[in-house]
Amino acid sequence: MENSSIIACYNELIQIEHGEVRSQFKLRACNSVFTALDHCHEAIEITSDDHVIQYVNPAFERMMGYHKGELLGKELADLPKSDKNRADLLDTINTCIKKGKEWQGVYYARRKSGDSIQQ
């Protein structure tokens, strides 16, 4: 009886260790992705499903004139919008994304300075 308990404990420890190793690999992969995004020359902004800004890369900061701390945790709706976009454009983009499709087109964003920029 005691022998099977030792084997069960050993198997449990192996599973825990294997899970931790897998988690470490996933964490390293995520860190690699964010390192790549940080060095990308294209402006990148990542939001949650409810449109809260989770990440912006340095290129986005330079292009838009904001510092990361001014944006993280804010809703996209709280940022100034360009009046050059169609009124239903954001709804169109969101519908495509929710369907798992890619949206392509012209979108104008407003820099911190107030200027509109085509993205």
PDB file of N, CA and C in Angstrom:
ATOM      1  N   MET A   1       0.828  -1.189   0.000  1.00  0.00           N
ATOM      2  CA  MET A   1       0.000   0.000   0.000  1.00  0.00           C
ATOM      3  C   MET A   1       0.871   1.250   0.000  1.00  0.00           C
ATOM      4  N   GLU A   2       1.868   1.268   0.839  1.00  0.00           N
ATOM      5  CA  GLU A   2       2.750   2.423   0.926  1.00  0.00           C
ATOM      6  C   GLU A   2       3.513   2.617  -0.374  1.00  0.00           C
ATOM      7  N   ASN A   3       3.868   1.548  -1.024  1.00  0.00           N
ATOM      8  CA  ASN A   3       4.610   1.597  -2.273  1.00  0.00           C
ATOM      9  C   ASN A   3       3.797   2.290  -3.369  1.00  0.00           C
ATOM     10  N   SER A   4       2.501   2.007  -3.447  1.00  0.00           N
ATOM     11  CA  SER A   4       1.668   2.650  -4.467  1.00  0.00           C
ATOM     12  C   SER A   4       1.501   4.142  -4.173  1.00  0.00           C
ATOM     13  N   SER A   5       1.517   4.505  -2.893  1.00  0.00           N
ATOM     14  CA  SER A   5       1.436   5.921  -2.533  1.00  0.00           C
ATOM     15  C   SER A   5       2.684   6.669  -2.982  1.00  0.00           C
ATOM     16  N   ILE A   6       3.828   6.032  -2.850  1.00  0.00           N
ATOM     17  CA  ILE A   6       5.084   6.645  -3.292  1.00  0.00           C
ATOM     18  C   ILE A   6       5.066   6.836  -4.800  1.00  0.00           C
ATOM     19  N   ILE A   7       4.583   5.834  -5.517  1.00  0.00           N
ATOM     20  CA  ILE A   7       4.505   5.925  -6.981  1.00  0.00           C
ATOM     21  C   ILE A   7       3.524   7.029  -7.382  1.00  0.00           C
ATOM     22  N   ALA A   8       2.397   7.103  -6.695  1.00  0.00           N
ATOM     23  CA  ALA A   8       1.415   8.150  -6.997  1.00  0.00           C
ATOM     24  C   ALA A   8       2.011   9.530  -6.753  1.00  0.00           C
ATOM     25  N   CYS A   9       2.733   9.678  -5.657  1.00  0.00           N
ATOM     26  CA  CYS A   9       3.388  10.963  -5.363  1.00  0.00           C
ATOM     27  C   CYS A   9       4.437  11.294  -6.414  1.00  0.00           C
ATOM     28  N   TYR A  10       5.208  10.300  -6.812  1.00  0.00           N
ATOM     29  CA  TYR A  10       6.240  10.496  -7.829  1.00  0.00           C
ATOM     30  C   TYR A  10       5.606  10.935  -9.150  1.00  0.00           C
ATOM     31  N   ASN A  11       4.522  10.247  -9.544  1.00  0.00           N
ATOM     32  CA  ASN A  11       3.821  10.614 -10.785  1.00  0.00           C
ATOM     33  C   ASN A  11       3.264  12.036 -10.701  1.00  0.00           C
ATOM     34  N   GLU A  12       2.751  12.397  -9.539  1.00  0.00           N
ATOM     35  CA  GLU A  12       2.227  13.752  -9.342  1.00  0.00           C
ATOM     36  C   GLU A  12       3.340  14.790  -9.485  1.00  0.00           C
ATOM     37  N   LEU A  13       4.492  14.512  -8.893  1.00  0.00           N
ATOM     38  CA  LEU A  13       5.635  15.426  -9.003  1.00  0.00           C
ATOM     39  C   LEU A  13       6.097  15.569 -10.447  1.00  0.00           C
ATOM     40  N   ILE A  14       6.110  14.478 -11.186  1.00  0.00           N
ATOM     41  CA  ILE A  14       6.503  14.534 -12.603  1.00  0.00           C
ATOM     42  C   ILE A  14       5.518  15.399 -13.384  1.00  0.00           C
ATOM     43  N   GLN A  15       4.223  15.229 -13.123  1.00  0.00           N
ATOM     44  CA  GLN A  15       3.222  16.032 -13.827  1.00  0.00           C
ATOM     45  C   GLN A  15       3.353  17.514 -13.478  1.00  0.00           C
ATOM     46  N   ILE A  16       3.607  17.801 -12.215  1.00  0.00           N
ATOM     47  CA  ILE A  16       3.793  19.200 -11.803  1.00  0.00           C
ATOM     48  C   ILE A  16       5.013  19.794 -12.495  1.00  0.00           C
ATOM     49  N   GLU A  17       6.113  19.050 -12.485  1.00  0.00           N
ATOM     50  CA  GLU A  17       7.338  19.541 -13.118  1.00  0.00           C
ATOM     51  C   GLU A  17       7.132  19.737 -14.615  1.00  0.00           C
ATOM     52  N   HIS A  18       6.458  18.778 -15.259  1.00  0.00           N
ATOM     53  CA  HIS A  18       6.203  18.883 -16.698  1.00  0.00           C
ATOM     54  C   HIS A  18       5.334  20.112 -16.993  1.00  0.00           C
ATOM     55  N   GLY A  19       4.333  20.356 -16.147  1.00  0.00           N
ATOM     56  CA  GLY A  19       3.472  21.528 -16.319  1.00  0.00           C
ATOM     57  C   GLY A  19       4.233  22.824 -16.148  1.00  0.00           C
ATOM     58  N   GLU A  20       5.143  22.857 -15.177  1.00  0.00           N
ATOM     59  CA  GLU A  20       5.947  24.061 -14.960  1.00  0.00           C
ATOM     60  C   GLU A  20       6.885  24.311 -16.130  1.00  0.00           C
ATOM     61  N   VAL A  21       7.477  23.244 -16.655  1.00  0.00           N
ATOM     62  CA  VAL A  21       8.370  23.390 -17.810  1.00  0.00           C
ATOM     63  C   VAL A  21       7.578  23.915 -19.002  1.00  0.00           C
ATOM     64  N   ARG A  22       6.389  23.364 -19.222  1.00  0.00           N
ATOM     65  CA  ARG A  22       5.540  23.818 -20.326  1.00  0.00           C
ATOM     66  C   ARG A  22       5.179  25.292 -20.135  1.00  0.00           C
ATOM     67  N   SER A  23       4.849  25.675 -18.911  1.00  0.00           N
ATOM     68  CA  SER A  23       4.520  27.079 -18.632  1.00  0.00           C
ATOM     69  C   SER A  23       5.715  27.987 -18.881  1.00  0.00           C
ATOM     70  N   GLN A  24       6.908  27.528 -18.521  1.00  0.00           N
ATOM     71  CA  GLN A  24       8.116  28.324 -18.756  1.00  0.00           C
ATOM     72  C   GLN A  24       8.367  28.506 -20.249  1.00  0.00           C
ATOM     73  N   PHE A  25       8.134  27.449 -21.043  1.00  0.00           N
ATOM     74  CA  PHE A  25       8.300  27.570 -22.493  1.00  0.00           C
ATOM     75  C   PHE A  25       7.294  28.565 -23.067  1.00  0.00           C
ATOM     76  N   LYS A  26       6.057  28.502 -22.592  1.00  0.00           N
ATOM     77  CA  LYS A  26       5.037  29.438 -23.068  1.00  0.00           C
ATOM     78  C   LYS A  26       5.404  30.872 -22.695  1.00  0.00           C
ATOM     79  N   LEU A  27       5.897  31.056 -21.481  1.00  0.00           N
ATOM     80  CA  LEU A  27       6.296  32.390 -21.040  1.00  0.00           C
ATOM     81  C   LEU A  27       7.447  32.921 -21.883  1.00  0.00           C
ATOM     82  N   ARG A  28       8.420  32.070 -22.170  1.00  0.00           N
ATOM     83  CA  ARG A  28       9.537  32.490 -23.030  1.00  0.00           C
ATOM     84  C   ARG A  28       9.050  32.856 -24.424  1.00  0.00           C
ATOM     85  N   ALA A  29       8.110  32.074 -24.957  1.00  0.00           N
ATOM     86  CA  ALA A  29       7.565  32.367 -26.285  1.00  0.00           C
ATOM     87  C   ALA A  29       6.852  33.720 -26.278  1.00  0.00           C
ATOM     88  N   CYS A  30       6.062  33.978 -25.239  1.00  0.00           N
ATOM     89  CA  CYS A  30       5.372  35.270 -25.131  1.00  0.00           C
ATOM     90  C   CYS A  30       6.370  36.415 -25.032  1.00  0.00           C
ATOM     91  N   ASN A  31       7.402  36.230 -24.237  1.00  0.00           N
ATOM     92  CA  ASN A  31       8.427  37.269 -24.115  1.00  0.00           C
ATOM     93  C   ASN A  31       9.109  37.523 -25.450  1.00  0.00           C
ATOM     94  N   SER A  32       9.340  36.467 -26.226  1.00  0.00           N
ATOM     95  CA  SER A  32       9.954  36.627 -27.549  1.00  0.00           C
ATOM     96  C   SER A  32       9.051  37.419 -28.481  1.00  0.00           C
ATOM     97  N   VAL A  33       7.751  37.141 -28.421  1.00  0.00           N
ATOM     98  CA  VAL A  33       6.799  37.872 -29.265  1.00  0.00           C
ATOM     99  C   VAL A  33       6.805  39.355 -28.897  1.00  0.00           C
ATOM    100  N   PHE A  34       6.757  39.664 -27.614  1.00  0.00           N
ATOM    101  CA  PHE A  34       6.747  41.073 -27.205  1.00  0.00           C
ATOM    102  C   PHE A  34       8.068  41.767 -27.517  1.00  0.00           C
ATOM    103  N   THR A  35       9.170  41.047 -27.452  1.00  0.00           N
ATOM    104  CA  THR A  35      10.454  41.628 -27.848  1.00  0.00           C
ATOM    105  C   THR A  35      10.424  41.978 -29.331  1.00  0.00           C
ATOM    106  N   ALA A  36       9.877  41.064 -30.142  1.00  0.00           N
ATOM    107  CA  ALA A  36       9.764  41.327 -31.583  1.00  0.00           C
ATOM    108  C   ALA A  36       8.857  42.527 -31.842  1.00  0.00           C
ATOM    109  N   LEU A  37       7.727  42.601 -31.141  1.00  0.00           N
ATOM    110  CA  LEU A  37       6.813  43.730 -31.317  1.00  0.00           C
ATOM    111  C   LEU A  37       7.469  45.043 -30.905  1.00  0.00           C
ATOM    112  N   ASP A  38       8.253  45.006 -29.837  1.00  0.00           N
ATOM    113  CA  ASP A  38       8.946  46.214 -29.380  1.00  0.00           C
ATOM    114  C   ASP A  38       9.945  46.729 -30.410  1.00  0.00           C
ATOM    115  N   HIS A  39      10.502  45.838 -31.222  1.00  0.00           N
ATOM    116  CA  HIS A  39      11.505  46.230 -32.212  1.00  0.00           C
ATOM    117  C   HIS A  39      10.926  46.409 -33.615  1.00  0.00           C
ATOM    118  N   CYS A  40       9.639  46.181 -33.766  1.00  0.00           N
ATOM    119  CA  CYS A  40       8.976  46.326 -35.063  1.00  0.00           C
ATOM    120  C   CYS A  40       8.868  47.815 -35.416  1.00  0.00           C
ATOM    121  N   HIS A  41       9.049  48.133 -36.686  1.00  0.00           N
ATOM    122  CA  HIS A  41       8.961  49.528 -37.131  1.00  0.00           C
ATOM    123  C   HIS A  41       7.524  49.965 -37.397  1.00  0.00           C
ATOM    124  N   GLU A  42       6.601  49.006 -37.456  1.00  0.00           N
ATOM    125  CA  GLU A  42       5.187  49.314 -37.668  1.00  0.00           C
ATOM    126  C   GLU A  42       4.527  49.607 -36.322  1.00  0.00           C
ATOM    127  N   ALA A  43       3.592  50.533 -36.310  1.00  0.00           N
ATOM    128  CA  ALA A  43       2.855  50.856 -35.084  1.00  0.00           C
ATOM    129  C   ALA A  43       1.892  49.720 -34.760  1.00  0.00           C
ATOM    130  N   ILE A  44       1.968  49.211 -33.531  1.00  0.00           N
ATOM    131  CA  ILE A  44       1.124  48.095 -33.118  1.00  0.00           C
ATOM    132  C   ILE A  44       0.426  48.454 -31.816  1.00  0.00           C
ATOM    133  N   GLU A  45      -0.871  48.174 -31.808  1.00  0.00           N
ATOM    134  CA  GLU A  45      -1.711  48.416 -30.639  1.00  0.00           C
ATOM    135  C   GLU A  45      -2.517  47.143 -30.413  1.00  0.00           C
ATOM    136  N   ILE A  46      -2.511  46.627 -29.194  1.00  0.00           N
ATOM    137  CA  ILE A  46      -3.266  45.416 -28.866  1.00  0.00           C
ATOM    138  C   ILE A  46      -4.319  45.797 -27.839  1.00  0.00           C
ATOM    139  N   THR A  47      -5.566  45.388 -28.123  1.00  0.00           N
ATOM    140  CA  THR A  47      -6.666  45.680 -27.208  1.00  0.00           C
ATOM    141  C   THR A  47      -7.337  44.382 -26.771  1.00  0.00           C
ATOM    142  N   SER A  48      -8.072  44.477 -25.685  1.00  0.00           N
ATOM    143  CA  SER A  48      -8.868  43.346 -25.217  1.00  0.00           C
ATOM    144  C   SER A  48     -10.149  43.278 -26.044  1.00  0.00           C
ATOM    145  N   ASP A  49     -10.951  42.241 -25.797  1.00  0.00           N
ATOM    146  CA  ASP A  49     -12.220  42.096 -26.513  1.00  0.00           C
ATOM    147  C   ASP A  49     -13.151  43.278 -26.279  1.00  0.00           C
ATOM    148  N   ASP A  50     -13.028  43.905 -25.118  1.00  0.00           N
ATOM    149  CA  ASP A  50     -13.885  45.052 -24.820  1.00  0.00           C
ATOM    150  C   ASP A  50     -13.193  46.387 -25.115  1.00  0.00           C
ATOM    151  N   HIS A  51     -12.185  46.348 -25.994  1.00  0.00           N
ATOM    152  CA  HIS A  51     -11.531  47.539 -26.553  1.00  0.00           C
ATOM    153  C   HIS A  51     -10.723  48.349 -25.541  1.00  0.00           C
ATOM    154  N   VAL A  52     -10.166  47.678 -24.558  1.00  0.00           N
ATOM    155  CA  VAL A  52      -9.269  48.329 -23.606  1.00  0.00           C
ATOM    156  C   VAL A  52      -7.841  48.089 -24.093  1.00  0.00           C
ATOM    157  N   ILE A  53      -7.054  49.148 -24.162  1.00  0.00           N
ATOM    158  CA  ILE A  53      -5.689  49.039 -24.679  1.00  0.00           C
ATOM    159  C   ILE A  53      -4.826  48.259 -23.694  1.00  0.00           C
ATOM    160  N   GLN A  54      -4.218  47.182 -24.197  1.00  0.00           N
ATOM    161  CA  GLN A  54      -3.375  46.311 -23.388  1.00  0.00           C
ATOM    162  C   GLN A  54      -1.890  46.544 -23.657  1.00  0.00           C
ATOM    163  N   TYR A  55      -1.562  46.967 -24.881  1.00  0.00           N
ATOM    164  CA  TYR A  55      -0.155  47.097 -25.278  1.00  0.00           C
ATOM    165  C   TYR A  55      -0.048  48.045 -26.459  1.00  0.00           C
ATOM    166  N   VAL A  56       0.975  48.864 -26.465  1.00  0.00           N
ATOM    167  CA  VAL A  56       1.387  49.627 -27.649  1.00  0.00           C
ATOM    168  C   VAL A  56       2.903  49.518 -27.739  1.00  0.00           C
ATOM    169  N   ASN A  57       3.404  49.430 -28.962  1.00  0.00           N
ATOM    170  CA  ASN A  57       4.860  49.330 -29.108  1.00  0.00           C
ATOM    171  C   ASN A  57       5.467  50.731 -29.259  1.00  0.00           C
ATOM    172  N   PRO A  58       6.798  50.834 -29.172  1.00  0.00           N
ATOM    173  CA  PRO A  58       7.456  52.143 -29.288  1.00  0.00           C
ATOM    174  C   PRO A  58       7.148  52.862 -30.606  1.00  0.00           C
ATOM    175  N   ALA A  59       6.979  52.122 -31.697  1.00  0.00           N
ATOM    176  CA  ALA A  59       6.646  52.762 -32.975  1.00  0.00           C
ATOM    177  C   ALA A  59       5.280  53.441 -32.890  1.00  0.00           C
ATOM    178  N   PHE A  60       4.338  52.821 -32.196  1.00  0.00           N
ATOM    179  CA  PHE A  60       3.023  53.427 -32.003  1.00  0.00           C
ATOM    180  C   PHE A  60       3.155  54.709 -31.182  1.00  0.00           C
ATOM    181  N   GLU A  61       3.965  54.658 -30.131  1.00  0.00           N
ATOM    182  CA  GLU A  61       4.175  55.849 -29.299  1.00  0.00           C
ATOM    183  C   GLU A  61       4.738  56.996 -30.133  1.00  0.00           C
ATOM    184  N   ARG A  62       5.747  56.689 -30.963  1.00  0.00           N
ATOM    185  CA  ARG A  62       6.369  57.736 -31.802  1.00  0.00           C
ATOM    186  C   ARG A  62       5.369  58.282 -32.813  1.00  0.00           C
ATOM    187  N   MET A  63       4.634  57.392 -33.472  1.00  0.00           N
ATOM    188  CA  MET A  63       3.716  57.815 -34.526  1.00  0.00           C
ATOM    189  C   MET A  63       2.553  58.641 -33.978  1.00  0.00           C
ATOM    190  N   MET A  64       2.019  58.218 -32.834  1.00  0.00           N
ATOM    191  CA  MET A  64       0.808  58.851 -32.322  1.00  0.00           C
ATOM    192  C   MET A  64       1.082  59.959 -31.306  1.00  0.00           C
ATOM    193  N   GLY A  65       2.314  60.034 -30.786  1.00  0.00           N
ATOM    194  CA  GLY A  65       2.661  61.104 -29.862  1.00  0.00           C
ATOM    195  C   GLY A  65       2.267  60.854 -28.414  1.00  0.00           C
ATOM    196  N   TYR A  66       1.809  59.666 -28.120  1.00  0.00           N
ATOM    197  CA  TYR A  66       1.442  59.305 -26.746  1.00  0.00           C
ATOM    198  C   TYR A  66       2.554  58.495 -26.109  1.00  0.00           C
ATOM    199  N   HIS A  67       2.606  58.519 -24.786  1.00  0.00           N
ATOM    200  CA  HIS A  67       3.468  57.614 -24.037  1.00  0.00           C
ATOM    201  C   HIS A  67       2.615  56.422 -23.621  1.00  0.00           C
ATOM    202  N   LYS A  68       3.250  55.278 -23.530  1.00  0.00           N
ATOM    203  CA  LYS A  68       2.552  54.041 -23.185  1.00  0.00           C
ATOM    204  C   LYS A  68       1.667  54.207 -21.946  1.00  0.00           C
ATOM    205  N   GLY A  69       2.177  54.866 -20.933  1.00  0.00           N
ATOM    206  CA  GLY A  69       1.432  55.048 -19.691  1.00  0.00           C
ATOM    207  C   GLY A  69       0.143  55.837 -19.855  1.00  0.00           C
ATOM    208  N   GLU A  70       0.068  56.666 -20.894  1.00  0.00           N
ATOM    209  CA  GLU A  70      -1.145  57.439 -21.150  1.00  0.00           C
ATOM    210  C   GLU A  70      -2.235  56.587 -21.785  1.00  0.00           C
ATOM    211  N   LEU A  71      -1.862  55.444 -22.345  1.00  0.00           N
ATOM    212  CA  LEU A  71      -2.799  54.645 -23.125  1.00  0.00           C
ATOM    213  C   LEU A  71      -3.234  53.346 -22.461  1.00  0.00           C
ATOM    214  N   LEU A  72      -2.305  52.683 -21.783  1.00  0.00           N
ATOM    215  CA  LEU A  72      -2.612  51.367 -21.226  1.00  0.00           C
ATOM    216  C   LEU A  72      -3.771  51.447 -20.242  1.00  0.00           C
ATOM    217  N   GLY A  73      -4.735  50.557 -20.435  1.00  0.00           N
ATOM    218  CA  GLY A  73      -5.906  50.521 -19.563  1.00  0.00           C
ATOM    219  C   GLY A  73      -7.039  51.430 -19.994  1.00  0.00           C
ATOM    220  N   LYS A  74      -6.814  52.238 -21.025  1.00  0.00           N
ATOM    221  CA  LYS A  74      -7.872  53.137 -21.507  1.00  0.00           C
ATOM    222  C   LYS A  74      -8.689  52.444 -22.594  1.00  0.00           C
ATOM    223  N   GLU A  75      -9.942  52.814 -22.684  1.00  0.00           N
ATOM    224  CA  GLU A  75     -10.795  52.298 -23.747  1.00  0.00           C
ATOM    225  C   GLU A  75     -10.552  53.101 -25.018  1.00  0.00           C
ATOM    226  N   LEU A  76     -10.619  52.412 -26.150  1.00  0.00           N
ATOM    227  CA  LEU A  76     -10.430  53.103 -27.432  1.00  0.00           C
ATOM    228  C   LEU A  76     -11.422  54.246 -27.595  1.00  0.00           C
ATOM    229  N   ALA A  77     -12.624  54.073 -27.063  1.00  0.00           N
ATOM    230  CA  ALA A  77     -13.657  55.106 -27.184  1.00  0.00           C
ATOM    231  C   ALA A  77     -13.255  56.399 -26.480  1.00  0.00           C
ATOM    232  N   ASP A  78     -12.322  56.309 -25.521  1.00  0.00           N
ATOM    233  CA  ASP A  78     -11.887  57.500 -24.783  1.00  0.00           C
ATOM    234  C   ASP A  78     -10.852  58.326 -25.539  1.00  0.00           C
ATOM    235  N   LEU A  79     -10.288  57.773 -26.602  1.00  0.00           N
ATOM    236  CA  LEU A  79      -9.266  58.490 -27.367  1.00  0.00           C
ATOM    237  C   LEU A  79      -9.924  59.371 -28.422  1.00  0.00           C
ATOM    238  N   PRO A  80      -9.299  60.506 -28.737  1.00  0.00           N
ATOM    239  CA  PRO A  80      -9.852  61.375 -29.784  1.00  0.00           C
ATOM    240  C   PRO A  80      -9.922  60.639 -31.120  1.00  0.00           C
ATOM    241  N   LYS A  81     -11.006  60.870 -31.849  1.00  0.00           N
ATOM    242  CA  LYS A  81     -11.201  60.198 -33.133  1.00  0.00           C
ATOM    243  C   LYS A  81     -11.088  61.205 -34.272  1.00  0.00           C
ATOM    244  N   SER A  82     -10.652  60.706 -35.399  1.00  0.00           N
ATOM    245  CA  SER A  82     -10.587  61.544 -36.591  1.00  0.00           C
ATOM    246  C   SER A  82     -11.977  61.629 -37.210  1.00  0.00           C
ATOM    247  N   ASP A  83     -12.321  62.798 -37.708  1.00  0.00           N
ATOM    248  CA  ASP A  83     -13.616  62.957 -38.371  1.00  0.00           C
ATOM    249  C   ASP A  83     -13.550  62.565 -39.842  1.00  0.00           C
ATOM    250  N   LYS A  84     -12.418  62.020 -40.278  1.00  0.00           N
ATOM    251  CA  LYS A  84     -12.265  61.597 -41.669  1.00  0.00           C
ATOM    252  C   LYS A  84     -12.822  60.194 -41.923  1.00  0.00           C
ATOM    253  N   ASN A  85     -13.142  59.444 -40.852  1.00  0.00           N
ATOM    254  CA  ASN A  85     -13.665  58.088 -41.001  1.00  0.00           C
ATOM    255  C   ASN A  85     -15.177  58.107 -41.166  1.00  0.00           C
ATOM    256  N   ARG A  86     -15.704  57.086 -41.860  1.00  0.00           N
ATOM    257  CA  ARG A  86     -17.154  56.904 -41.934  1.00  0.00           C
ATOM    258  C   ARG A  86     -17.674  56.626 -40.524  1.00  0.00           C
ATOM    259  N   ALA A  87     -18.885  57.017 -40.255  1.00  0.00           N
ATOM    260  CA  ALA A  87     -19.463  56.851 -38.919  1.00  0.00           C
ATOM    261  C   ALA A  87     -19.541  55.387 -38.497  1.00  0.00           C
ATOM    262  N   ASP A  88     -19.770  54.484 -39.444  1.00  0.00           N
ATOM    263  CA  ASP A  88     -19.940  53.065 -39.113  1.00  0.00           C
ATOM    264  C   ASP A  88     -18.652  52.251 -39.260  1.00  0.00           C
ATOM    265  N   LEU A  89     -17.525  52.915 -39.476  1.00  0.00           N
ATOM    266  CA  LEU A  89     -16.281  52.196 -39.757  1.00  0.00           C
ATOM    267  C   LEU A  89     -15.855  51.289 -38.609  1.00  0.00           C
ATOM    268  N   LEU A  90     -15.877  51.786 -37.377  1.00  0.00           N
ATOM    269  CA  LEU A  90     -15.453  50.957 -36.247  1.00  0.00           C
ATOM    270  C   LEU A  90     -16.366  49.751 -36.067  1.00  0.00           C
ATOM    271  N   ASP A  91     -17.663  49.931 -36.304  1.00  0.00           N
ATOM    272  CA  ASP A  91     -18.581  48.789 -36.235  1.00  0.00           C
ATOM    273  C   ASP A  91     -18.241  47.756 -37.300  1.00  0.00           C
ATOM    274  N   THR A  92     -17.902  48.221 -38.489  1.00  0.00           N
ATOM    275  CA  THR A  92     -17.523  47.320 -39.580  1.00  0.00           C
ATOM    276  C   THR A  92     -16.262  46.541 -39.219  1.00  0.00           C
ATOM    277  N   ILE A  93     -15.271  47.235 -38.687  1.00  0.00           N
ATOM    278  CA  ILE A  93     -14.016  46.581 -38.286  1.00  0.00           C
ATOM    279  C   ILE A  93     -14.293  45.550 -37.193  1.00  0.00           C
ATOM    280  N   ASN A  94     -15.062  45.931 -36.175  1.00  0.00           N
ATOM    281  CA  ASN A  94     -15.365  45.016 -35.070  1.00  0.00           C
ATOM    282  C   ASN A  94     -16.133  43.789 -35.536  1.00  0.00           C
ATOM    283  N   THR A  95     -17.058  43.961 -36.462  1.00  0.00           N
ATOM    284  CA  THR A  95     -17.818  42.831 -36.989  1.00  0.00           C
ATOM    285  C   THR A  95     -16.897  41.845 -37.686  1.00  0.00           C
ATOM    286  N   CYS A  96     -15.974  42.350 -38.485  1.00  0.00           N
ATOM    287  CA  CYS A  96     -15.008  41.473 -39.166  1.00  0.00           C
ATOM    288  C   CYS A  96     -14.165  40.701 -38.158  1.00  0.00           C
ATOM    289  N   ILE A  97     -13.666  41.389 -37.167  1.00  0.00           N
ATOM    290  CA  ILE A  97     -12.795  40.756 -36.172  1.00  0.00           C
ATOM    291  C   ILE A  97     -13.557  39.687 -35.395  1.00  0.00           C
ATOM    292  N   LYS A  98     -14.790  39.983 -35.000  1.00  0.00           N
ATOM    293  CA  LYS A  98     -15.583  39.010 -34.243  1.00  0.00           C
ATOM    294  C   LYS A  98     -15.880  37.761 -35.063  1.00  0.00           C
ATOM    295  N   LYS A  99     -15.952  37.912 -36.381  1.00  0.00           N
ATOM    296  CA  LYS A  99     -16.184  36.761 -37.258  1.00  0.00           C
ATOM    297  C   LYS A  99     -14.892  36.025 -37.582  1.00  0.00           C
ATOM    298  N   GLY A 100     -13.776  36.514 -37.036  1.00  0.00           N
ATOM    299  CA  GLY A 100     -12.489  35.872 -37.294  1.00  0.00           C
ATOM    300  C   GLY A 100     -11.916  36.216 -38.653  1.00  0.00           C
ATOM    301  N   LYS A 101     -12.406  37.283 -39.243  1.00  0.00           N
ATOM    302  CA  LYS A 101     -11.937  37.697 -40.564  1.00  0.00           C
ATOM    303  C   LYS A 101     -11.005  38.895 -40.441  1.00  0.00           C
ATOM    304  N   GLU A 102     -10.246  39.098 -41.483  1.00  0.00           N
ATOM    305  CA  GLU A 102      -9.324  40.230 -41.531  1.00  0.00           C
ATOM    306  C   GLU A 102     -10.024  41.413 -42.174  1.00  0.00           C
ATOM    307  N   TRP A 103      -9.853  42.588 -41.595  1.00  0.00           N
ATOM    308  CA  TRP A 103     -10.375  43.801 -42.199  1.00  0.00           C
ATOM    309  C   TRP A 103      -9.232  44.522 -42.880  1.00  0.00           C
ATOM    310  N   GLN A 104      -9.480  44.980 -44.091  1.00  0.00           N
ATOM    311  CA  GLN A 104      -8.495  45.786 -44.806  1.00  0.00           C
ATOM    312  C   GLN A 104      -9.177  47.049 -45.284  1.00  0.00           C
ATOM    313  N   GLY A 105      -8.472  48.131 -45.165  1.00  0.00           N
ATOM    314  CA  GLY A 105      -9.029  49.391 -45.603  1.00  0.00           C
ATOM    315  C   GLY A 105      -8.228  50.546 -45.052  1.00  0.00           C
ATOM    316  N   VAL A 106      -8.778  51.730 -45.185  1.00  0.00           N
ATOM    317  CA  VAL A 106      -8.115  52.939 -44.708  1.00  0.00           C
ATOM    318  C   VAL A 106      -8.820  53.397 -43.437  1.00  0.00           C
ATOM    319  N   TYR A 107      -8.020  53.661 -42.429  1.00  0.00           N
ATOM    320  CA  TYR A 107      -8.528  54.156 -41.148  1.00  0.00           C
ATOM    321  C   TYR A 107      -7.694  55.371 -40.763  1.00  0.00           C
ATOM    322  N   TYR A 108      -8.351  56.412 -40.332  1.00  0.00           N
ATOM    323  CA  TYR A 108      -7.646  57.611 -39.874  1.00  0.00           C
ATOM    324  C   TYR A 108      -7.684  57.663 -38.349  1.00  0.00           C
ATOM    325  N   ALA A 109      -6.532  57.834 -37.769  1.00  0.00           N
ATOM    326  CA  ALA A 109      -6.426  57.983 -36.318  1.00  0.00           C
ATOM    327  C   ALA A 109      -6.041  59.425 -36.022  1.00  0.00           C
ATOM    328  N   ARG A 110      -6.283  59.844 -34.800  1.00  0.00           N
ATOM    329  CA  ARG A 110      -5.924  61.200 -34.406  1.00  0.00           C
ATOM    330  C   ARG A 110      -4.741  61.130 -33.449  1.00  0.00           C
ATOM    331  N   ARG A 111      -3.688  61.836 -33.838  1.00  0.00           N
ATOM    332  CA  ARG A 111      -2.507  61.919 -32.976  1.00  0.00           C
ATOM    333  C   ARG A 111      -2.818  62.766 -31.752  1.00  0.00           C
ATOM    334  N   LYS A 112      -1.952  62.676 -30.784  1.00  0.00           N
ATOM    335  CA  LYS A 112      -2.116  63.486 -29.574  1.00  0.00           C
ATOM    336  C   LYS A 112      -2.120  64.972 -29.928  1.00  0.00           C
ATOM    337  N   SER A 113      -1.364  65.340 -30.957  1.00  0.00           N
ATOM    338  CA  SER A 113      -1.286  66.739 -31.399  1.00  0.00           C
ATOM    339  C   SER A 113      -2.577  67.228 -32.051  1.00  0.00           C
ATOM    340  N   GLY A 114      -3.476  66.289 -32.391  1.00  0.00           N
ATOM    341  CA  GLY A 114      -4.728  66.651 -33.048  1.00  0.00           C
ATOM    342  C   GLY A 114      -4.735  66.374 -34.534  1.00  0.00           C
ATOM    343  N   ASP A 115      -3.566  66.141 -35.122  1.00  0.00           N
ATOM    344  CA  ASP A 115      -3.482  65.828 -36.545  1.00  0.00           C
ATOM    345  C   ASP A 115      -4.048  64.440 -36.817  1.00  0.00           C
ATOM    346  N   SER A 116      -4.680  64.283 -37.983  1.00  0.00           N
ATOM    347  CA  SER A 116      -5.146  62.964 -38.411  1.00  0.00           C
ATOM    348  C   SER A 116      -4.038  62.274 -39.181  1.00  0.00           C
ATOM    349  N   ILE A 117      -3.961  60.959 -39.029  1.00  0.00           N
ATOM    350  CA  ILE A 117      -2.957  60.169 -39.732  1.00  0.00           C
ATOM    351  C   ILE A 117      -3.625  58.921 -40.292  1.00  0.00           C
ATOM    352  N   GLN A 118      -3.301  58.627 -41.539  1.00  0.00           N
ATOM    353  CA  GLN A 118      -3.858  57.438 -42.183  1.00  0.00           C
ATOM    354  C   GLN A 118      -3.084  56.204 -41.740  1.00  0.00           C
ATOM    355  N   GLN A 119      -3.821  55.172 -41.379  1.00  0.00           N
ATOM    356  CA  GLN A 119      -3.175  53.924 -40.972  1.00  0.00           C
ATOM    357  C   GLN A 119      -3.584  52.807 -41.895  1.00  0.00           C
TER     358      GLN A 119
END
